[in-house]
Protein backbone atom coordinates (compact mmCIF):
# COMPACT_ATOMS: atom_id res chain seq x y z
CA UNK A 1 0.00 0.00 0.00
CA UNK A 2 2.88 2.35 0.67
CA UNK A 3 4.07 2.45 -2.96
CA UNK A 4 0.71 1.52 -4.52
CA UNK A 5 -0.12 -1.23 -7.04
CA UNK A 6 0.92 0.08 -10.48
CA UNK A 7 -0.59 -2.85 -12.42
CA UNK A 8 -4.02 -1.98 -10.96
CA UNK A 9 -3.43 1.79 -11.24
CA UNK A 10 -3.67 2.11 -7.43
CA UNK A 11 -1.74 5.09 -6.02
CA UNK A 12 0.60 4.84 -3.04
CA UNK A 13 -0.55 6.26 0.27
CA UNK A 14 2.81 7.43 1.57
CA UNK A 15 3.11 10.24 2.33
CA UNK A 16 -0.53 11.23 2.84
CA UNK A 17 -1.04 14.95 2.12
CA UNK A 18 -3.53 16.90 4.23
CA UNK A 19 -5.10 20.24 3.42
CA UNK A 20 -4.89 23.34 5.56
CA UNK A 21 -5.73 22.96 9.25
CA UNK A 22 -6.93 26.09 11.06
CA UNK A 23 -7.29 26.48 14.82
CA UNK A 24 -8.90 29.38 16.69
CA UNK A 25 -9.49 29.28 20.45
CA UNK A 26 -10.28 31.61 23.32
CA UNK A 27 -12.02 34.95 23.92
CA UNK A 28 -10.85 38.20 22.32
CA UNK A 29 -8.54 39.11 25.22
CA UNK A 30 -6.74 35.75 25.24
CA UNK A 31 -6.99 34.39 21.73
CA UNK A 32 -4.88 31.80 19.96
CA UNK A 33 -5.03 31.34 16.21
CA UNK A 34 -2.89 28.93 14.25
CA UNK A 35 -2.75 27.68 10.68
CA UNK A 36 -0.89 24.53 9.64
CA UNK A 37 -0.07 23.95 5.97
CA UNK A 38 1.71 21.45 3.75
CA UNK A 39 1.13 18.57 6.19
CA UNK A 40 2.55 15.19 5.14
CA UNK A 41 1.66 12.08 7.13
CA UNK A 42 3.71 8.88 7.06
CA UNK A 43 2.60 5.56 8.51
CA UNK A 44 -1.00 4.97 7.35
CA UNK A 45 0.07 2.02 5.15
CA UNK A 46 1.18 0.12 8.28
CA UNK A 47 -2.40 -0.39 9.46
CA UNK A 48 -3.31 -3.63 11.23
CA UNK A 49 -6.77 -5.15 10.68
CA UNK A 50 -8.05 -6.17 14.12
CA UNK A 51 -11.59 -7.13 13.17
CA UNK A 52 -13.57 -7.52 9.95
CA UNK A 53 -17.31 -8.08 9.52
CA UNK A 54 -18.80 -8.55 6.08
CA UNK A 55 -22.38 -8.69 4.86
CA UNK A 56 -22.31 -9.70 1.18
CA UNK A 57 -26.10 -9.45 0.87
CA UNK A 58 -25.79 -5.71 1.59
CA UNK A 59 -22.24 -5.34 0.21
CA UNK A 60 -21.18 -3.87 3.54
CA UNK A 61 -17.81 -4.32 5.25
CA UNK A 62 -16.89 -3.03 8.70
CA UNK A 63 -13.26 -2.93 9.80
CA UNK A 64 -11.52 -2.12 13.04
CA UNK A 65 -7.99 -1.02 12.27
CA UNK A 66 -5.03 -0.02 14.39
CA UNK A 67 -2.67 2.65 13.10
CA UNK A 68 0.38 1.96 15.31
CA UNK A 69 2.30 5.12 14.43
CA UNK A 70 1.64 8.19 12.30
CA UNK A 71 4.42 10.75 11.86
CA UNK A 72 3.53 14.14 10.46
CA UNK A 73 5.41 17.26 9.41
CA UNK A 74 4.29 20.63 8.08
CA UNK A 75 4.55 24.41 8.38
CA UNK A 76 2.73 26.47 11.00
CA UNK A 77 1.89 30.12 11.62
CA UNK A 78 0.69 31.08 15.10
CA UNK A 79 -0.66 34.27 16.67
CA UNK A 80 -1.40 34.59 20.40
CA UNK A 81 -3.07 37.68 21.87
CA UNK A 82 -3.08 37.93 25.68
CA UNK A 83 -4.46 41.31 26.78
CA UNK A 84 -1.98 43.84 25.31
CA UNK A 85 0.73 41.26 24.63
CA UNK A 86 0.87 39.79 21.14
CA UNK A 87 3.11 36.83 20.32
CA UNK A 88 3.67 35.47 16.84
CA UNK A 89 5.61 32.59 15.41
CA UNK A 90 6.10 30.58 12.28
CA UNK A 91 8.20 27.55 11.53
CA UNK A 92 8.06 23.77 11.23
CA UNK A 93 5.68 21.50 13.08
CA UNK A 94 6.37 17.81 13.58
CA UNK A 95 4.63 15.19 15.63
CA UNK A 96 3.76 11.59 16.22
CA UNK A 97 0.43 9.92 16.88
CA UNK A 98 0.54 6.42 18.36
CA UNK A 99 -2.03 3.66 18.69
CA UNK A 100 -4.85 5.29 16.78
CA UNK A 101 -7.90 3.05 16.61
CA UNK A 102 -9.82 3.46 13.38
CA UNK A 103 -13.33 2.27 12.48
CA UNK A 104 -13.97 2.00 8.74
CA UNK A 105 -17.33 1.35 7.11
CA UNK A 106 -17.42 0.33 3.44
CA UNK A 107 -20.76 0.19 1.62
CA UNK A 108 -20.94 -0.81 -2.02
CA UNK A 109 -23.35 -1.60 -4.80
CA UNK A 110 -23.24 -3.69 -7.94
CA UNK A 111 -22.65 -1.78 -11.12
CA UNK A 112 -23.02 -3.11 -14.65
CA UNK A 113 -20.05 -2.45 -16.93
CA UNK A 114 -20.71 -4.01 -20.33
CA UNK A 115 -21.93 -7.55 -19.68
CA UNK A 116 -20.25 -7.84 -16.26
CA UNK A 117 -21.19 -6.76 -12.76
CA UNK A 118 -18.59 -4.95 -10.67
CA UNK A 119 -18.55 -3.77 -7.07
CA UNK A 120 -18.49 0.02 -6.69
CA UNK A 121 -17.95 1.50 -3.21
CA UNK A 122 -19.68 4.58 -1.86
CA UNK A 123 -17.44 7.05 0.02
CA UNK A 124 -15.97 5.31 3.06
CA UNK A 125 -16.74 6.42 6.58
CA UNK A 126 -13.67 6.60 8.82
CA UNK A 127 -13.72 7.41 12.54
CA UNK A 128 -10.50 7.77 14.54
CA UNK A 129 -10.07 7.29 18.26
CA UNK A 130 -7.06 9.04 19.68
CA UNK A 131 -4.13 7.24 21.23
CA UNK A 132 -0.98 9.08 22.36
CA UNK A 133 0.41 12.16 20.68
CA UNK A 134 3.45 14.41 20.78
CA UNK A 135 3.83 17.69 18.89
CA UNK A 136 6.86 19.96 18.47
CA UNK A 137 7.06 23.43 16.92
CA UNK A 138 10.36 25.04 15.91
CA UNK A 139 11.18 28.76 15.98
CA UNK A 140 8.36 29.63 18.37
CA UNK A 141 8.36 33.40 18.94
CA UNK A 142 11.56 33.90 16.93
CA UNK A 143 13.38 31.19 18.86
CA UNK A 144 12.80 32.73 22.31
CA UNK A 145 14.66 30.36 24.71
CA UNK A 146 12.00 30.65 27.44
CA UNK A 147 8.70 31.10 25.56
CA UNK A 148 9.48 28.43 22.92
CA UNK A 149 10.00 25.43 25.23
CA UNK A 150 7.22 26.61 27.58
CA UNK A 151 4.73 26.86 24.70
CA UNK A 152 5.71 23.42 23.37
CA UNK A 153 5.04 22.03 26.86
CA UNK A 154 1.61 23.70 27.02
CA UNK A 155 0.74 22.45 23.52
CA UNK A 156 1.61 18.84 24.43
CA UNK A 157 -0.26 19.06 27.74
CA UNK A 158 -3.32 20.26 25.78
CA UNK A 159 -2.78 18.25 22.60
CA UNK A 160 -6.49 17.26 22.58
CA UNK A 161 -7.28 20.77 21.28
CA UNK A 162 -5.00 20.25 18.27
CA UNK A 163 -6.25 16.71 17.75
CA UNK A 164 -9.87 17.91 17.64
CA UNK A 165 -8.91 20.05 14.64
CA UNK A 166 -6.67 17.59 12.80
CA UNK A 167 -8.79 14.44 13.30
CA UNK A 168 -11.66 15.41 10.91
CA UNK A 169 -9.13 16.40 8.23
CA UNK A 170 -7.22 13.15 8.71
CA UNK A 171 -10.45 11.10 8.71
CA UNK A 172 -11.61 12.65 5.44
CA UNK A 173 -8.21 12.25 3.77
CA UNK A 174 -8.00 8.59 4.79
CA UNK A 175 -11.61 7.96 3.72
CA UNK A 176 -11.06 9.55 0.29
CA UNK A 177 -7.82 7.65 -0.23
CA UNK A 178 -9.19 4.27 0.87
CA UNK A 179 -12.32 4.76 -1.29
CA UNK A 180 -10.23 5.58 -4.36
CA UNK A 181 -7.93 2.59 -3.79
CA UNK A 182 -10.78 0.13 -3.21
CA UNK A 183 -12.67 1.26 -6.32
CA UNK A 184 -9.57 1.04 -8.51
CA UNK A 185 -9.00 -2.52 -7.30
CA UNK A 186 -12.62 -3.69 -7.68
CA UNK A 187 -12.94 -2.10 -11.14
CA UNK A 188 -10.35 -4.58 -12.45
CA UNK A 189 -12.34 -7.63 -11.37
CA UNK A 190 -15.92 -8.76 -11.84
CA UNK A 191 -18.14 -9.27 -8.81
CA UNK A 192 -18.05 -13.05 -9.40
CA UNK A 193 -14.26 -13.05 -9.49
CA UNK A 194 -14.11 -11.25 -6.16
CA UNK A 195 -16.93 -13.22 -4.51
CA UNK A 196 -17.32 -16.56 -6.35
C-alpha atoms as a PDB file:
ATOM      1  CA  UNK A   1       0.000   0.000   0.000  1.00  0.00           C
ATOM      2  CA  UNK A   2       2.881   2.352   0.673  1.00  0.00           C
ATOM      3  CA  UNK A   3       4.065   2.448  -2.956  1.00  0.00           C
ATOM      4  CA  UNK A   4       0.713   1.525  -4.518  1.00  0.00           C
ATOM      5  CA  UNK A   5      -0.118  -1.229  -7.035  1.00  0.00           C
ATOM      6  CA  UNK A   6       0.925   0.079 -10.476  1.00  0.00           C
ATOM      7  CA  UNK A   7      -0.589  -2.852 -12.421  1.00  0.00           C
ATOM      8  CA  UNK A   8      -4.016  -1.977 -10.957  1.00  0.00           C
ATOM      9  CA  UNK A   9      -3.434   1.795 -11.243  1.00  0.00           C
ATOM     10  CA  UNK A  10      -3.668   2.109  -7.429  1.00  0.00           C
ATOM     11  CA  UNK A  11      -1.738   5.090  -6.017  1.00  0.00           C
ATOM     12  CA  UNK A  12       0.603   4.841  -3.042  1.00  0.00           C
ATOM     13  CA  UNK A  13      -0.550   6.257   0.268  1.00  0.00           C
ATOM     14  CA  UNK A  14       2.815   7.429   1.573  1.00  0.00           C
ATOM     15  CA  UNK A  15       3.107  10.241   2.328  1.00  0.00           C
ATOM     16  CA  UNK A  16      -0.529  11.234   2.837  1.00  0.00           C
ATOM     17  CA  UNK A  17      -1.040  14.946   2.123  1.00  0.00           C
ATOM     18  CA  UNK A  18      -3.529  16.897   4.231  1.00  0.00           C
ATOM     19  CA  UNK A  19      -5.096  20.242   3.425  1.00  0.00           C
ATOM     20  CA  UNK A  20      -4.889  23.344   5.565  1.00  0.00           C
ATOM     21  CA  UNK A  21      -5.734  22.959   9.250  1.00  0.00           C
ATOM     22  CA  UNK A  22      -6.926  26.088  11.062  1.00  0.00           C
ATOM     23  CA  UNK A  23      -7.288  26.482  14.816  1.00  0.00           C
ATOM     24  CA  UNK A  24      -8.898  29.379  16.693  1.00  0.00           C
ATOM     25  CA  UNK A  25      -9.494  29.276  20.451  1.00  0.00           C
ATOM     26  CA  UNK A  26     -10.276  31.614  23.323  1.00  0.00           C
ATOM     27  CA  UNK A  27     -12.017  34.950  23.918  1.00  0.00           C
ATOM     28  CA  UNK A  28     -10.846  38.197  22.316  1.00  0.00           C
ATOM     29  CA  UNK A  29      -8.537  39.108  25.223  1.00  0.00           C
ATOM     30  CA  UNK A  30      -6.736  35.751  25.235  1.00  0.00           C
ATOM     31  CA  UNK A  31      -6.987  34.386  21.726  1.00  0.00           C
ATOM     32  CA  UNK A  32      -4.877  31.797  19.958  1.00  0.00           C
ATOM     33  CA  UNK A  33      -5.033  31.337  16.208  1.00  0.00           C
ATOM     34  CA  UNK A  34      -2.888  28.927  14.252  1.00  0.00           C
ATOM     35  CA  UNK A  35      -2.748  27.679  10.676  1.00  0.00           C
ATOM     36  CA  UNK A  36      -0.888  24.531   9.644  1.00  0.00           C
ATOM     37  CA  UNK A  37      -0.074  23.952   5.969  1.00  0.00           C
ATOM     38  CA  UNK A  38       1.714  21.451   3.753  1.00  0.00           C
ATOM     39  CA  UNK A  39       1.130  18.572   6.189  1.00  0.00           C
ATOM     40  CA  UNK A  40       2.548  15.195   5.141  1.00  0.00           C
ATOM     41  CA  UNK A  41       1.655  12.076   7.129  1.00  0.00           C
ATOM     42  CA  UNK A  42       3.713   8.878   7.060  1.00  0.00           C
ATOM     43  CA  UNK A  43       2.599   5.557   8.512  1.00  0.00           C
ATOM     44  CA  UNK A  44      -1.005   4.972   7.347  1.00  0.00           C
ATOM     45  CA  UNK A  45       0.073   2.023   5.154  1.00  0.00           C
ATOM     46  CA  UNK A  46       1.178   0.121   8.279  1.00  0.00           C
ATOM     47  CA  UNK A  47      -2.402  -0.386   9.465  1.00  0.00           C
ATOM     48  CA  UNK A  48      -3.306  -3.633  11.232  1.00  0.00           C
ATOM     49  CA  UNK A  49      -6.768  -5.149  10.681  1.00  0.00           C
ATOM     50  CA  UNK A  50      -8.051  -6.173  14.115  1.00  0.00           C
ATOM     51  CA  UNK A  51     -11.589  -7.125  13.168  1.00  0.00           C
ATOM     52  CA  UNK A  52     -13.574  -7.524   9.947  1.00  0.00           C
ATOM     53  CA  UNK A  53     -17.309  -8.084   9.522  1.00  0.00           C
ATOM     54  CA  UNK A  54     -18.802  -8.547   6.080  1.00  0.00           C
ATOM     55  CA  UNK A  55     -22.384  -8.687   4.856  1.00  0.00           C
ATOM     56  CA  UNK A  56     -22.306  -9.696   1.184  1.00  0.00           C
ATOM     57  CA  UNK A  57     -26.095  -9.449   0.873  1.00  0.00           C
ATOM     58  CA  UNK A  58     -25.794  -5.709   1.591  1.00  0.00           C
ATOM     59  CA  UNK A  59     -22.238  -5.337   0.214  1.00  0.00           C
ATOM     60  CA  UNK A  60     -21.178  -3.868   3.542  1.00  0.00           C
ATOM     61  CA  UNK A  61     -17.812  -4.323   5.248  1.00  0.00           C
ATOM     62  CA  UNK A  62     -16.888  -3.029   8.698  1.00  0.00           C
ATOM     63  CA  UNK A  63     -13.258  -2.926   9.802  1.00  0.00           C
ATOM     64  CA  UNK A  64     -11.522  -2.120  13.039  1.00  0.00           C
ATOM     65  CA  UNK A  65      -7.988  -1.016  12.270  1.00  0.00           C
ATOM     66  CA  UNK A  66      -5.034  -0.016  14.394  1.00  0.00           C
ATOM     67  CA  UNK A  67      -2.672   2.655  13.102  1.00  0.00           C
ATOM     68  CA  UNK A  68       0.375   1.956  15.311  1.00  0.00           C
ATOM     69  CA  UNK A  69       2.297   5.115  14.427  1.00  0.00           C
ATOM     70  CA  UNK A  70       1.636   8.189  12.300  1.00  0.00           C
ATOM     71  CA  UNK A  71       4.416  10.749  11.862  1.00  0.00           C
ATOM     72  CA  UNK A  72       3.530  14.142  10.458  1.00  0.00           C
ATOM     73  CA  UNK A  73       5.405  17.260   9.408  1.00  0.00           C
ATOM     74  CA  UNK A  74       4.285  20.626   8.081  1.00  0.00           C
ATOM     75  CA  UNK A  75       4.550  24.407   8.383  1.00  0.00           C
ATOM     76  CA  UNK A  76       2.733  26.472  11.000  1.00  0.00           C
ATOM     77  CA  UNK A  77       1.887  30.117  11.621  1.00  0.00           C
ATOM     78  CA  UNK A  78       0.686  31.080  15.102  1.00  0.00           C
ATOM     79  CA  UNK A  79      -0.656  34.272  16.666  1.00  0.00           C
ATOM     80  CA  UNK A  80      -1.402  34.589  20.402  1.00  0.00           C
ATOM     81  CA  UNK A  81      -3.071  37.679  21.870  1.00  0.00           C
ATOM     82  CA  UNK A  82      -3.076  37.930  25.681  1.00  0.00           C
ATOM     83  CA  UNK A  83      -4.460  41.311  26.775  1.00  0.00           C
ATOM     84  CA  UNK A  84      -1.983  43.843  25.307  1.00  0.00           C
ATOM     85  CA  UNK A  85       0.726  41.260  24.632  1.00  0.00           C
ATOM     86  CA  UNK A  86       0.872  39.787  21.142  1.00  0.00           C
ATOM     87  CA  UNK A  87       3.107  36.830  20.325  1.00  0.00           C
ATOM     88  CA  UNK A  88       3.666  35.471  16.844  1.00  0.00           C
ATOM     89  CA  UNK A  89       5.611  32.591  15.406  1.00  0.00           C
ATOM     90  CA  UNK A  90       6.096  30.583  12.280  1.00  0.00           C
ATOM     91  CA  UNK A  91       8.205  27.553  11.534  1.00  0.00           C
ATOM     92  CA  UNK A  92       8.064  23.775  11.231  1.00  0.00           C
ATOM     93  CA  UNK A  93       5.684  21.503  13.084  1.00  0.00           C
ATOM     94  CA  UNK A  94       6.366  17.809  13.578  1.00  0.00           C
ATOM     95  CA  UNK A  95       4.629  15.192  15.632  1.00  0.00           C
ATOM     96  CA  UNK A  96       3.763  11.585  16.221  1.00  0.00           C
ATOM     97  CA  UNK A  97       0.428   9.919  16.879  1.00  0.00           C
ATOM     98  CA  UNK A  98       0.544   6.420  18.360  1.00  0.00           C
ATOM     99  CA  UNK A  99      -2.028   3.663  18.692  1.00  0.00           C
ATOM    100  CA  UNK A 100      -4.854   5.287  16.782  1.00  0.00           C
ATOM    101  CA  UNK A 101      -7.901   3.046  16.613  1.00  0.00           C
ATOM    102  CA  UNK A 102      -9.818   3.456  13.384  1.00  0.00           C
ATOM    103  CA  UNK A 103     -13.333   2.269  12.485  1.00  0.00           C
ATOM    104  CA  UNK A 104     -13.968   2.005   8.743  1.00  0.00           C
ATOM    105  CA  UNK A 105     -17.331   1.348   7.106  1.00  0.00           C
ATOM    106  CA  UNK A 106     -17.425   0.329   3.436  1.00  0.00           C
ATOM    107  CA  UNK A 107     -20.756   0.185   1.620  1.00  0.00           C
ATOM    108  CA  UNK A 108     -20.943  -0.813  -2.019  1.00  0.00           C
ATOM    109  CA  UNK A 109     -23.347  -1.599  -4.804  1.00  0.00           C
ATOM    110  CA  UNK A 110     -23.240  -3.693  -7.936  1.00  0.00           C
ATOM    111  CA  UNK A 111     -22.650  -1.777 -11.125  1.00  0.00           C
ATOM    112  CA  UNK A 112     -23.021  -3.112 -14.653  1.00  0.00           C
ATOM    113  CA  UNK A 113     -20.048  -2.450 -16.934  1.00  0.00           C
ATOM    114  CA  UNK A 114     -20.708  -4.014 -20.333  1.00  0.00           C
ATOM    115  CA  UNK A 115     -21.928  -7.552 -19.676  1.00  0.00           C
ATOM    116  CA  UNK A 116     -20.254  -7.837 -16.263  1.00  0.00           C
ATOM    117  CA  UNK A 117     -21.189  -6.761 -12.760  1.00  0.00           C
ATOM    118  CA  UNK A 118     -18.587  -4.948 -10.669  1.00  0.00           C
ATOM    119  CA  UNK A 119     -18.545  -3.775  -7.065  1.00  0.00           C
ATOM    120  CA  UNK A 120     -18.487   0.016  -6.686  1.00  0.00           C
ATOM    121  CA  UNK A 121     -17.948   1.503  -3.209  1.00  0.00           C
ATOM    122  CA  UNK A 122     -19.684   4.585  -1.856  1.00  0.00           C
ATOM    123  CA  UNK A 123     -17.444   7.051   0.020  1.00  0.00           C
ATOM    124  CA  UNK A 124     -15.975   5.310   3.061  1.00  0.00           C
ATOM    125  CA  UNK A 125     -16.743   6.416   6.581  1.00  0.00           C
ATOM    126  CA  UNK A 126     -13.675   6.600   8.824  1.00  0.00           C
ATOM    127  CA  UNK A 127     -13.724   7.410  12.545  1.00  0.00           C
ATOM    128  CA  UNK A 128     -10.499   7.773  14.540  1.00  0.00           C
ATOM    129  CA  UNK A 129     -10.072   7.289  18.262  1.00  0.00           C
ATOM    130  CA  UNK A 130      -7.060   9.038  19.683  1.00  0.00           C
ATOM    131  CA  UNK A 131      -4.129   7.242  21.229  1.00  0.00           C
ATOM    132  CA  UNK A 132      -0.983   9.083  22.363  1.00  0.00           C
ATOM    133  CA  UNK A 133       0.412  12.156  20.678  1.00  0.00           C
ATOM    134  CA  UNK A 134       3.448  14.415  20.783  1.00  0.00           C
ATOM    135  CA  UNK A 135       3.833  17.687  18.892  1.00  0.00           C
ATOM    136  CA  UNK A 136       6.862  19.960  18.466  1.00  0.00           C
ATOM    137  CA  UNK A 137       7.057  23.429  16.916  1.00  0.00           C
ATOM    138  CA  UNK A 138      10.362  25.041  15.912  1.00  0.00           C
ATOM    139  CA  UNK A 139      11.177  28.758  15.982  1.00  0.00           C
ATOM    140  CA  UNK A 140       8.363  29.633  18.368  1.00  0.00           C
ATOM    141  CA  UNK A 141       8.357  33.397  18.938  1.00  0.00           C
ATOM    142  CA  UNK A 142      11.564  33.900  16.933  1.00  0.00           C
ATOM    143  CA  UNK A 143      13.378  31.185  18.861  1.00  0.00           C
ATOM    144  CA  UNK A 144      12.803  32.727  22.307  1.00  0.00           C
ATOM    145  CA  UNK A 145      14.657  30.356  24.709  1.00  0.00           C
ATOM    146  CA  UNK A 146      11.997  30.651  27.443  1.00  0.00           C
ATOM    147  CA  UNK A 147       8.699  31.104  25.563  1.00  0.00           C
ATOM    148  CA  UNK A 148       9.484  28.435  22.923  1.00  0.00           C
ATOM    149  CA  UNK A 149      10.002  25.429  25.228  1.00  0.00           C
ATOM    150  CA  UNK A 150       7.224  26.606  27.578  1.00  0.00           C
ATOM    151  CA  UNK A 151       4.734  26.862  24.697  1.00  0.00           C
ATOM    152  CA  UNK A 152       5.712  23.424  23.372  1.00  0.00           C
ATOM    153  CA  UNK A 153       5.037  22.032  26.861  1.00  0.00           C
ATOM    154  CA  UNK A 154       1.612  23.703  27.024  1.00  0.00           C
ATOM    155  CA  UNK A 155       0.738  22.446  23.515  1.00  0.00           C
ATOM    156  CA  UNK A 156       1.610  18.842  24.434  1.00  0.00           C
ATOM    157  CA  UNK A 157      -0.263  19.060  27.736  1.00  0.00           C
ATOM    158  CA  UNK A 158      -3.315  20.257  25.784  1.00  0.00           C
ATOM    159  CA  UNK A 159      -2.782  18.246  22.601  1.00  0.00           C
ATOM    160  CA  UNK A 160      -6.489  17.258  22.578  1.00  0.00           C
ATOM    161  CA  UNK A 161      -7.279  20.768  21.275  1.00  0.00           C
ATOM    162  CA  UNK A 162      -4.999  20.253  18.267  1.00  0.00           C
ATOM    163  CA  UNK A 163      -6.249  16.705  17.752  1.00  0.00           C
ATOM    164  CA  UNK A 164      -9.872  17.914  17.635  1.00  0.00           C
ATOM    165  CA  UNK A 165      -8.913  20.054  14.639  1.00  0.00           C
ATOM    166  CA  UNK A 166      -6.668  17.593  12.798  1.00  0.00           C
ATOM    167  CA  UNK A 167      -8.792  14.441  13.301  1.00  0.00           C
ATOM    168  CA  UNK A 168     -11.657  15.414  10.914  1.00  0.00           C
ATOM    169  CA  UNK A 169      -9.130  16.398   8.226  1.00  0.00           C
ATOM    170  CA  UNK A 170      -7.217  13.146   8.714  1.00  0.00           C
ATOM    171  CA  UNK A 171     -10.446  11.098   8.714  1.00  0.00           C
ATOM    172  CA  UNK A 172     -11.615  12.653   5.438  1.00  0.00           C
ATOM    173  CA  UNK A 173      -8.209  12.253   3.766  1.00  0.00           C
ATOM    174  CA  UNK A 174      -7.996   8.588   4.791  1.00  0.00           C
ATOM    175  CA  UNK A 175     -11.605   7.959   3.716  1.00  0.00           C
ATOM    176  CA  UNK A 176     -11.061   9.550   0.288  1.00  0.00           C
ATOM    177  CA  UNK A 177      -7.815   7.654  -0.231  1.00  0.00           C
ATOM    178  CA  UNK A 178      -9.187   4.267   0.871  1.00  0.00           C
ATOM    179  CA  UNK A 179     -12.316   4.758  -1.290  1.00  0.00           C
ATOM    180  CA  UNK A 180     -10.228   5.576  -4.364  1.00  0.00           C
ATOM    181  CA  UNK A 181      -7.935   2.592  -3.788  1.00  0.00           C
ATOM    182  CA  UNK A 182     -10.778   0.130  -3.213  1.00  0.00           C
ATOM    183  CA  UNK A 183     -12.670   1.260  -6.324  1.00  0.00           C
ATOM    184  CA  UNK A 184      -9.572   1.042  -8.514  1.00  0.00           C
ATOM    185  CA  UNK A 185      -8.998  -2.524  -7.304  1.00  0.00           C
ATOM    186  CA  UNK A 186     -12.621  -3.685  -7.676  1.00  0.00           C
ATOM    187  CA  UNK A 187     -12.939  -2.099 -11.143  1.00  0.00           C
ATOM    188  CA  UNK A 188     -10.347  -4.585 -12.451  1.00  0.00           C
ATOM    189  CA  UNK A 189     -12.339  -7.630 -11.367  1.00  0.00           C
ATOM    190  CA  UNK A 190     -15.919  -8.763 -11.837  1.00  0.00           C
ATOM    191  CA  UNK A 191     -18.140  -9.272  -8.813  1.00  0.00           C
ATOM    192  CA  UNK A 192     -18.053 -13.046  -9.397  1.00  0.00           C
ATOM    193  CA  UNK A 193     -14.264 -13.046  -9.494  1.00  0.00           C
ATOM    194  CA  UNK A 194     -14.109 -11.248  -6.161  1.00  0.00           C
ATOM    195  CA  UNK A 195     -16.933 -13.220  -4.515  1.00  0.00           C
ATOM    196  CA  UNK A 196     -17.325 -16.564  -6.347  1.00  0.00           C
END
